[in-house]
Protein backbone atom coordinates (compact mmCIF):
# COMPACT_ATOMS: atom_id res chain seq x y z
CA MET A 1 -30.40 -68.54 63.62
CA THR A 2 -29.02 -71.44 61.58
CA LYS A 3 -25.29 -72.09 61.16
CA ILE A 4 -25.59 -71.24 57.46
CA THR A 5 -27.33 -67.93 58.20
CA THR A 6 -24.77 -67.09 60.87
CA ARG A 7 -21.94 -67.79 58.45
CA LEU A 8 -23.50 -65.60 55.75
CA VAL A 9 -23.94 -62.74 58.22
CA LEU A 10 -20.32 -63.12 59.34
CA LEU A 11 -19.04 -63.18 55.76
CA ALA A 12 -21.07 -60.07 54.90
CA THR A 13 -19.67 -58.28 57.95
CA LEU A 14 -16.12 -59.27 57.10
CA SER A 15 -16.64 -58.15 53.50
CA VAL A 16 -17.69 -54.68 54.66
CA ALA A 17 -14.83 -54.58 57.15
CA GLY A 18 -12.39 -55.38 54.35
CA ALA A 19 -13.42 -52.20 52.59
CA ALA A 20 -12.20 -50.13 55.57
CA GLU A 21 -8.70 -49.94 54.05
CA LYS A 22 -10.13 -47.48 51.52
CA LEU A 23 -11.16 -44.95 54.17
CA SER A 24 -9.70 -41.46 53.79
CA PRO A 25 -9.40 -38.65 56.37
CA ILE A 26 -12.18 -36.03 56.42
CA PHE A 27 -10.41 -34.15 59.24
CA ASP A 28 -6.81 -33.21 58.36
CA GLY A 29 -5.57 -33.23 61.97
CA LYS A 30 -4.30 -29.65 61.69
CA THR A 31 -7.17 -27.29 60.84
CA LEU A 32 -10.98 -27.10 60.70
CA LYS A 33 -10.90 -26.86 56.91
CA GLY A 34 -14.03 -28.43 55.42
CA TRP A 35 -16.03 -27.94 58.62
CA SER A 36 -18.22 -25.10 59.91
CA GLN A 37 -20.10 -24.52 63.16
CA CYS A 38 -23.89 -24.87 63.25
CA ASN A 39 -25.90 -23.86 66.34
CA GLY A 40 -24.58 -23.11 69.81
CA SER A 41 -21.44 -21.39 71.06
CA ALA A 42 -19.27 -24.32 72.12
CA LYS A 43 -15.63 -23.88 71.14
CA TYR A 44 -14.00 -26.18 68.56
CA TYR A 45 -10.25 -26.24 67.93
CA VAL A 46 -7.40 -28.57 66.93
CA GLU A 47 -4.77 -29.74 69.41
CA ASN A 48 -2.11 -32.44 68.92
CA GLY A 49 -3.91 -33.83 65.87
CA GLU A 50 -7.20 -34.05 67.78
CA LEU A 51 -10.41 -32.12 67.18
CA VAL A 52 -11.59 -30.74 70.52
CA GLY A 53 -15.05 -29.54 71.48
CA VAL A 54 -15.49 -27.55 74.72
CA THR A 55 -18.80 -26.63 76.35
CA ALA A 56 -19.90 -23.01 76.75
CA LYS A 57 -22.09 -21.95 79.66
CA GLY A 58 -25.71 -21.37 78.63
CA SER A 59 -25.18 -22.69 75.09
CA PRO A 60 -27.68 -25.02 73.44
CA ASN A 61 -26.42 -28.07 71.55
CA SER A 62 -23.54 -27.14 69.24
CA PHE A 63 -22.41 -28.92 66.07
CA LEU A 64 -19.31 -28.75 63.88
CA CYS A 65 -20.68 -29.79 60.50
CA SER A 66 -18.95 -31.12 57.41
CA GLU A 67 -19.35 -28.86 54.41
CA LYS A 68 -19.72 -31.94 52.22
CA GLU A 69 -22.75 -34.22 52.29
CA TYR A 70 -22.58 -38.01 52.16
CA GLY A 71 -25.08 -40.73 51.28
CA ASP A 72 -23.81 -44.30 51.64
CA PHE A 73 -20.54 -44.57 53.52
CA ILE A 74 -18.29 -46.32 55.97
CA LEU A 75 -17.22 -43.95 58.75
CA GLU A 76 -14.66 -44.60 61.47
CA PHE A 77 -13.47 -42.30 64.23
CA GLU A 78 -12.01 -42.40 67.71
CA VAL A 79 -13.50 -40.39 70.54
CA LYS A 80 -12.78 -39.65 74.21
CA ASP A 81 -15.54 -37.88 76.10
CA ASP A 82 -15.79 -36.36 79.57
CA PRO A 83 -18.09 -38.87 81.37
CA ALA A 84 -20.25 -35.96 82.56
CA LEU A 85 -20.82 -34.73 78.99
CA ASN A 86 -23.21 -36.23 76.46
CA SER A 87 -22.07 -36.04 72.84
CA GLY A 88 -22.65 -37.63 69.46
CA VAL A 89 -21.86 -37.68 65.77
CA GLN A 90 -24.56 -36.62 63.34
CA ILE A 91 -24.86 -38.50 60.04
CA ARG A 92 -27.10 -37.78 57.03
CA SER A 93 -28.14 -34.61 58.83
CA HIS A 94 -29.64 -31.28 57.76
CA ARG A 95 -30.77 -27.90 59.08
CA TYR A 96 -34.42 -26.91 59.15
CA ALA A 97 -35.12 -24.33 56.44
CA LYS A 98 -38.00 -22.84 58.47
CA PRO A 99 -39.57 -23.33 61.92
CA THR A 100 -40.73 -26.95 61.93
CA GLU A 101 -43.05 -28.88 64.23
CA VAL A 102 -42.15 -32.52 64.86
CA MET A 103 -43.52 -35.33 67.00
CA THR A 104 -40.87 -36.56 69.41
CA GLU A 105 -40.72 -39.32 72.02
CA ASN A 106 -38.03 -37.52 73.99
CA LYS A 107 -39.48 -36.95 77.49
CA GLY A 108 -42.81 -38.46 76.39
CA LYS A 109 -44.78 -38.33 73.16
CA ARG A 110 -45.26 -34.67 72.32
CA LYS A 111 -45.04 -32.09 69.58
CA ARG A 112 -42.16 -29.66 69.52
CA THR A 113 -41.30 -26.79 67.20
CA HIS A 114 -37.67 -26.24 66.20
CA GLU A 115 -36.36 -22.96 64.87
CA ALA A 116 -35.00 -22.39 61.36
CA GLY A 117 -31.36 -23.44 61.10
CA ARG A 118 -31.62 -26.11 63.81
CA VAL A 119 -29.54 -29.22 63.05
CA HIS A 120 -31.59 -32.40 62.82
CA GLY A 121 -31.05 -35.98 61.73
CA TYR A 122 -29.53 -39.28 62.78
CA GLN A 123 -27.07 -39.11 65.66
CA VAL A 124 -24.69 -41.87 66.75
CA GLU A 125 -24.77 -41.53 70.51
CA ILE A 126 -21.66 -40.91 72.63
CA ALA A 127 -22.41 -41.17 76.33
CA SER A 128 -21.00 -42.50 79.58
CA GLU A 129 -20.43 -46.08 80.70
CA LYS A 130 -23.24 -45.61 83.22
CA SER A 131 -25.84 -44.70 80.59
CA GLY A 132 -24.86 -47.62 78.33
CA ALA A 133 -26.36 -45.74 75.37
CA SER A 134 -23.22 -45.19 73.27
CA GLY A 135 -23.51 -46.56 69.76
CA GLY A 136 -27.29 -46.15 69.74
CA ILE A 137 -29.02 -44.00 67.12
CA TYR A 138 -31.05 -40.97 68.13
CA GLU A 139 -32.86 -38.60 65.80
CA GLU A 140 -31.71 -35.16 66.91
CA ALA A 141 -34.49 -32.54 66.87
CA GLY A 142 -36.78 -35.22 65.47
CA ARG A 143 -38.39 -38.46 66.61
CA GLY A 144 -35.96 -39.18 69.44
CA TRP A 145 -34.57 -42.67 70.02
CA LEU A 146 -34.63 -44.93 66.96
CA ALA A 147 -32.23 -47.60 68.25
CA ASN A 148 -31.48 -47.43 71.98
CA VAL A 149 -28.86 -50.04 72.83
CA SER A 150 -28.83 -49.45 76.60
CA SER A 151 -30.93 -52.59 77.17
CA ASP A 152 -28.47 -54.77 75.23
CA PRO A 153 -26.14 -56.29 77.86
CA VAL A 154 -23.26 -56.63 75.38
CA ALA A 155 -23.57 -53.35 73.48
CA ARG A 156 -24.01 -51.24 76.63
CA LYS A 157 -20.54 -52.32 77.83
CA ALA A 158 -18.72 -51.54 74.55
CA PHE A 159 -17.85 -47.93 75.46
CA HIS A 160 -15.26 -47.09 78.13
CA ASP A 161 -14.94 -43.82 80.04
CA ASN A 162 -11.71 -41.82 80.02
CA GLN A 163 -10.11 -43.65 77.11
CA TRP A 164 -10.18 -43.60 73.33
CA ASN A 165 -13.06 -45.57 71.81
CA LYS A 166 -13.17 -46.60 68.16
CA PHE A 167 -16.55 -46.18 66.44
CA ARG A 168 -17.53 -47.67 63.11
CA VAL A 169 -20.69 -46.67 61.21
CA VAL A 170 -21.89 -48.32 57.99
CA ALA A 171 -24.81 -46.57 56.25
CA ILE A 172 -26.07 -48.18 53.05
CA GLY A 173 -29.56 -47.41 51.77
CA ASP A 174 -32.00 -47.65 54.65
CA SER A 175 -29.59 -49.68 56.80
CA ILE A 176 -27.42 -48.04 59.47
CA LYS A 177 -25.17 -50.22 61.65
CA THR A 178 -22.76 -49.19 64.38
CA TRP A 179 -19.86 -50.80 66.26
CA ILE A 180 -17.77 -49.63 69.21
CA ASN A 181 -14.36 -51.19 69.77
CA GLY A 182 -15.39 -54.01 67.42
CA ILE A 183 -18.63 -54.79 69.29
CA PRO A 184 -21.91 -54.57 67.28
CA CYS A 185 -24.31 -51.99 68.70
CA ALA A 186 -27.18 -50.59 66.62
CA ASP A 187 -28.76 -52.26 63.59
CA LEU A 188 -31.31 -49.73 62.36
CA VAL A 189 -33.54 -49.89 59.30
CA ASP A 190 -34.98 -46.44 58.57
CA ALA A 191 -35.42 -44.70 55.21
CA ALA A 192 -36.14 -41.15 56.37
CA ASP A 193 -32.87 -39.64 55.06
CA GLN A 194 -30.52 -40.95 52.39
CA SER A 195 -27.84 -38.24 52.57
CA GLY A 196 -26.68 -35.25 54.56
CA PHE A 197 -23.74 -33.77 56.44
CA ILE A 198 -21.74 -35.18 59.33
CA GLY A 199 -21.75 -33.19 62.56
CA LEU A 200 -19.72 -33.39 65.77
CA GLN A 201 -21.90 -32.53 68.75
CA VAL A 202 -21.09 -30.78 71.98
CA HIS A 203 -24.25 -31.14 74.04
CA GLN A 204 -25.61 -28.35 76.20
CA PHE A 205 -23.99 -28.65 79.59
CA PRO A 206 -25.24 -27.47 83.03
CA GLY A 207 -21.90 -27.78 84.81
CA GLU A 208 -20.06 -24.73 86.09
CA ASN A 209 -16.70 -25.93 84.80
CA PRO A 210 -16.30 -26.61 81.05
CA ALA A 211 -16.26 -30.19 79.81
CA GLN A 212 -14.73 -31.45 76.59
CA VAL A 213 -14.95 -34.17 73.97
CA ARG A 214 -12.08 -35.12 71.64
CA TRP A 215 -12.14 -36.83 68.24
CA ARG A 216 -9.27 -38.14 66.12
CA ASN A 217 -8.67 -40.32 63.05
CA ILE A 218 -11.99 -39.34 61.46
CA ARG A 219 -12.03 -41.30 58.21
CA LEU A 220 -14.69 -42.14 55.64
CA GLU A 221 -15.20 -44.11 52.47
CA ASP A 222 -17.85 -42.60 50.18
CA LEU A 223 -19.99 -45.39 48.70
CA GLY A 224 -22.25 -43.24 46.54
CA LYS A 225 -25.93 -42.72 47.25
CA HIS A 226 -29.24 -44.54 47.15
CA ARG A 227 -32.10 -42.63 45.52
CA TRP A 228 -35.85 -42.94 45.37
CA ARG A 229 -37.03 -43.86 41.87
CA PRO A 230 -40.65 -44.12 40.66
CA LEU A 231 -42.20 -47.58 40.68
CA TRP A 232 -45.38 -46.09 39.23
CA ASP A 233 -45.17 -43.30 36.65
CA GLY A 234 -48.19 -41.38 37.99
CA ARG A 235 -49.87 -41.22 34.57
CA THR A 236 -50.54 -44.73 33.23
CA LEU A 237 -50.77 -48.33 34.45
CA SER A 238 -47.59 -49.25 32.59
CA GLY A 239 -45.74 -51.91 34.60
CA TRP A 240 -48.86 -52.87 36.54
CA THR A 241 -51.65 -55.40 35.91
CA LYS A 242 -55.22 -55.36 37.20
CA SER A 243 -56.61 -58.62 38.56
CA GLY A 244 -60.05 -59.45 39.99
CA GLY A 245 -62.75 -57.02 41.10
CA GLY A 246 -62.93 -53.30 41.71
CA GLU A 247 -62.01 -50.41 39.48
CA TRP A 248 -58.82 -48.37 39.28
CA THR A 249 -58.65 -44.88 37.81
CA ILE A 250 -55.87 -42.32 37.66
CA VAL A 251 -56.91 -38.93 39.03
CA GLU A 252 -54.48 -36.00 39.34
CA GLY A 253 -51.44 -38.20 39.84
CA GLY A 254 -53.14 -40.62 42.22
CA LEU A 255 -54.55 -44.13 41.89
CA ARG A 256 -58.17 -44.34 43.03
CA GLY A 257 -59.53 -47.79 43.84
CA VAL A 258 -63.26 -48.28 44.36
CA SER A 259 -65.63 -51.19 44.84
CA PRO A 260 -69.36 -51.37 45.78
CA SER A 261 -70.66 -53.45 48.69
CA THR A 262 -72.45 -55.68 46.16
CA SER A 263 -69.13 -56.93 44.72
CA ASP A 264 -67.93 -60.30 46.01
CA GLN A 265 -64.65 -60.37 44.08
CA ARG A 266 -61.34 -59.30 45.62
CA GLY A 267 -59.16 -57.17 43.35
CA PHE A 268 -55.49 -56.29 42.99
CA LEU A 269 -53.31 -53.91 41.03
CA MET A 270 -49.99 -55.79 40.81
CA THR A 271 -46.51 -54.96 39.60
CA ASP A 272 -45.60 -56.92 36.47
CA ARG A 273 -42.23 -57.82 37.93
CA GLU A 274 -41.31 -59.60 41.11
CA LEU A 275 -39.28 -57.93 43.83
CA GLY A 276 -36.86 -59.83 46.05
CA ASP A 277 -34.99 -57.51 48.41
CA PHE A 278 -36.35 -53.97 48.26
CA THR A 279 -37.41 -50.81 50.06
CA VAL A 280 -40.61 -49.18 48.82
CA ARG A 281 -42.43 -46.11 50.03
CA LEU A 282 -45.84 -44.78 49.00
CA LYS A 283 -48.61 -42.53 50.19
CA TYR A 284 -52.13 -43.77 50.77
CA LYS A 285 -55.46 -42.37 51.88
CA ALA A 286 -58.17 -44.78 53.03
CA VAL A 287 -61.50 -43.00 52.62
CA LYS A 288 -63.77 -45.93 53.46
CA GLY A 289 -63.51 -49.70 53.55
CA ASN A 290 -60.60 -52.02 54.24
CA SER A 291 -57.60 -52.33 51.89
CA GLY A 292 -54.01 -53.48 52.01
CA VAL A 293 -50.59 -53.38 50.37
CA PHE A 294 -49.26 -56.85 49.54
CA PHE A 295 -45.61 -57.69 48.95
CA ARG A 296 -43.65 -60.81 48.07
CA MET A 297 -47.03 -61.95 46.81
CA SER A 298 -48.08 -64.60 44.32
CA THR A 299 -51.41 -66.05 43.29
CA ALA A 300 -52.09 -69.78 43.19
CA ALA A 301 -55.11 -72.06 42.90
CA SER A 302 -55.40 -71.97 46.70
CA GLY A 303 -55.43 -68.17 46.75
CA VAL A 304 -53.04 -65.32 47.46
CA VAL A 305 -49.85 -65.97 49.43
CA GLY A 306 -47.37 -63.44 50.76
CA TYR A 307 -47.38 -60.52 53.18
CA GLU A 308 -50.06 -57.86 53.65
CA VAL A 309 -49.68 -54.46 55.30
CA GLU A 310 -53.02 -53.35 56.66
CA VAL A 311 -54.57 -50.21 55.16
CA ASP A 312 -57.67 -49.28 57.11
CA PRO A 313 -59.34 -45.96 57.97
CA THR A 314 -60.41 -47.06 61.46
CA ARG A 315 -57.97 -49.67 62.88
CA ASP A 316 -54.76 -51.71 62.52
CA ALA A 317 -52.97 -49.34 60.10
CA GLY A 318 -49.40 -50.57 59.60
CA GLY A 319 -50.11 -54.04 60.94
CA LEU A 320 -48.59 -57.04 59.15
CA LEU A 321 -50.40 -60.22 58.09
CA GLU A 322 -49.73 -63.39 56.16
CA PRO A 323 -53.06 -64.31 54.48
CA ARG A 324 -53.64 -68.06 54.11
CA GLY A 325 -50.73 -68.57 56.47
CA ARG A 326 -49.98 -67.20 59.94
CA GLN A 327 -52.62 -64.46 59.62
CA TRP A 328 -51.61 -61.68 62.02
CA ILE A 329 -47.84 -61.44 62.45
CA VAL A 330 -47.81 -57.99 64.06
CA LYS A 331 -51.10 -56.44 65.16
CA PRO A 332 -50.74 -52.84 66.36
CA GLU A 333 -52.38 -51.44 69.48
CA LEU A 334 -55.28 -49.08 68.73
CA ALA A 335 -53.85 -46.45 71.07
CA LYS A 336 -50.56 -46.47 69.15
CA VAL A 337 -52.34 -46.30 65.78
CA ALA A 338 -54.12 -43.15 66.92
CA GLU A 339 -50.73 -41.52 67.56
CA TYR A 340 -49.28 -42.00 64.07
CA TYR A 341 -52.18 -42.57 61.66
CA LYS A 342 -53.78 -39.57 59.91
CA ALA A 343 -57.49 -40.19 59.35
CA ASP A 344 -58.93 -38.69 56.15
CA ASP A 345 -55.46 -37.64 55.04
CA TRP A 346 -52.42 -38.97 53.19
CA ASN A 347 -50.22 -41.39 55.14
CA GLU A 348 -46.71 -42.48 54.15
CA LEU A 349 -45.98 -46.20 54.29
CA THR A 350 -42.45 -47.58 53.96
CA ILE A 351 -41.80 -51.31 53.49
CA SER A 352 -38.23 -52.62 53.83
CA ALA A 353 -37.79 -56.31 52.99
CA HIS A 354 -34.19 -57.52 52.76
CA GLY A 355 -33.58 -61.20 53.24
CA ARG A 356 -35.51 -62.21 56.33
CA ARG A 357 -35.48 -58.71 57.86
CA ILE A 358 -38.81 -56.91 57.38
CA VAL A 359 -39.42 -53.42 58.77
CA LEU A 360 -42.53 -51.25 58.34
CA HIS A 361 -43.02 -47.55 59.04
CA VAL A 362 -46.18 -45.43 58.88
CA ASN A 363 -45.50 -41.70 58.94
CA GLY A 364 -42.04 -42.38 60.36
CA GLU A 365 -43.34 -44.60 63.19
CA LYS A 366 -41.99 -48.14 63.18
CA THR A 367 -44.94 -50.55 63.25
CA ALA A 368 -43.12 -53.86 62.65
CA ASP A 369 -39.53 -55.12 62.81
CA LEU A 370 -38.95 -58.81 62.05
CA VAL A 371 -35.33 -59.93 62.22
CA ASN A 372 -35.42 -63.52 60.98
CA ASP A 373 -38.88 -64.09 59.52
CA PRO A 374 -39.51 -67.44 57.77
CA GLY A 375 -41.87 -66.08 55.09
CA ARG A 376 -41.51 -65.73 51.32
CA GLN A 377 -38.37 -64.15 49.85
CA ALA A 378 -39.75 -62.71 46.60
CA GLY A 379 -42.98 -61.82 44.83
CA ARG A 380 -45.05 -58.96 43.48
CA LEU A 381 -46.12 -55.72 45.10
CA ALA A 382 -49.89 -55.29 44.93
CA LEU A 383 -52.56 -52.80 45.97
CA GLN A 384 -55.70 -54.48 47.25
CA ILE A 385 -59.44 -53.92 46.88
CA ASN A 386 -61.45 -55.93 49.39
CA PRO A 387 -64.93 -57.23 48.40
CA ARG A 388 -68.37 -56.97 50.05
CA GLN A 389 -67.93 -53.41 51.30
CA ASP A 390 -68.28 -49.89 50.02
CA LEU A 391 -64.60 -49.09 49.44
CA GLU A 392 -62.56 -46.09 48.31
CA VAL A 393 -58.77 -45.97 48.69
CA TRP A 394 -56.09 -43.82 47.07
CA PHE A 395 -52.38 -44.41 46.42
CA LYS A 396 -49.67 -42.14 45.00
CA ASP A 397 -45.91 -41.45 44.94
CA ILE A 398 -44.96 -45.14 44.79
CA GLU A 399 -41.14 -45.26 44.82
CA LEU A 400 -38.37 -47.83 45.01
CA LEU A 401 -35.06 -47.17 46.77
CA GLY A 402 -32.00 -48.07 44.75
CA LYS A 403 -28.65 -47.04 43.33
């Protein structure tokens, strides 16, 4: 990282930290007003200005949930946890409205069904010094670990047993960052949820004697909310321009791109405007033939430049390329693709490009995460039709994340 980049990152961090003086209590230090228990039978009460959670024998995970939901925010709290007890703080969380099957990586890749009412969502981990996982981000009753910091030699030492630890969480758009005692821990880019409640977890506990976790000085600054807004209206090609070969038609709210094997001309459907920093999500279905989603793209006499996310019905879905440049930047393993890609069905692709950080997800699975990539910083978003093959690809629900 260059000195200039380091300085900009430091200034941005200090700027966010300066906003901390606007934080307001969301726990009054006297009562549980504004909070209600979800799941489990752990006991929650207030003592000496501290919010205490105590395990109950045989209870599943318990949560004390804020009655208010938050989108973008700065959250700070102090916590002291029994080293034998795992805990956490839920953010942007929800409860399943009906029994829901999810794919999780907890204890190996597997499907699991959670009952209606089960709390799920991002969790800022609170664990022991030995585990080194505190400050990581886990998706409770969902995908499992999203940012495990236990392999980071600095972050894993930020939390201290048997003393108060100060946590800081900054969630803005699809970015979630955590600190413990001033030490950076997780830096997650994930757009799955943009708002939800906050929940204080008491984990299920096998011990015979009760264990407890204590929180105090729980404060938050509400920064509003990012929302998904249409980048394509679903009815016309307004805001988009066709270039090159292939044909695009609008069918029942979807864009259908086709091209015969006799065509030797590559085609694109491009946004009229350029995008610099952005997060876009869309659904696609690759019926036959190879396609792609380009971003930060431009066309020149030498050809197309920019990034391409691979859209293919048989291989490499979610891989990242730089045509006429580095070619493959991230090429996925076929075995991994088979775990997250849905053949002959709609797949959700999310592209997050902010500065030199580029993160891709397909159906919630992270397929690329570039921290300081040297590629282009702006350009158009484009849907591709590849030549010299019998091709049919569909796109719909193209949305841009913003305020």
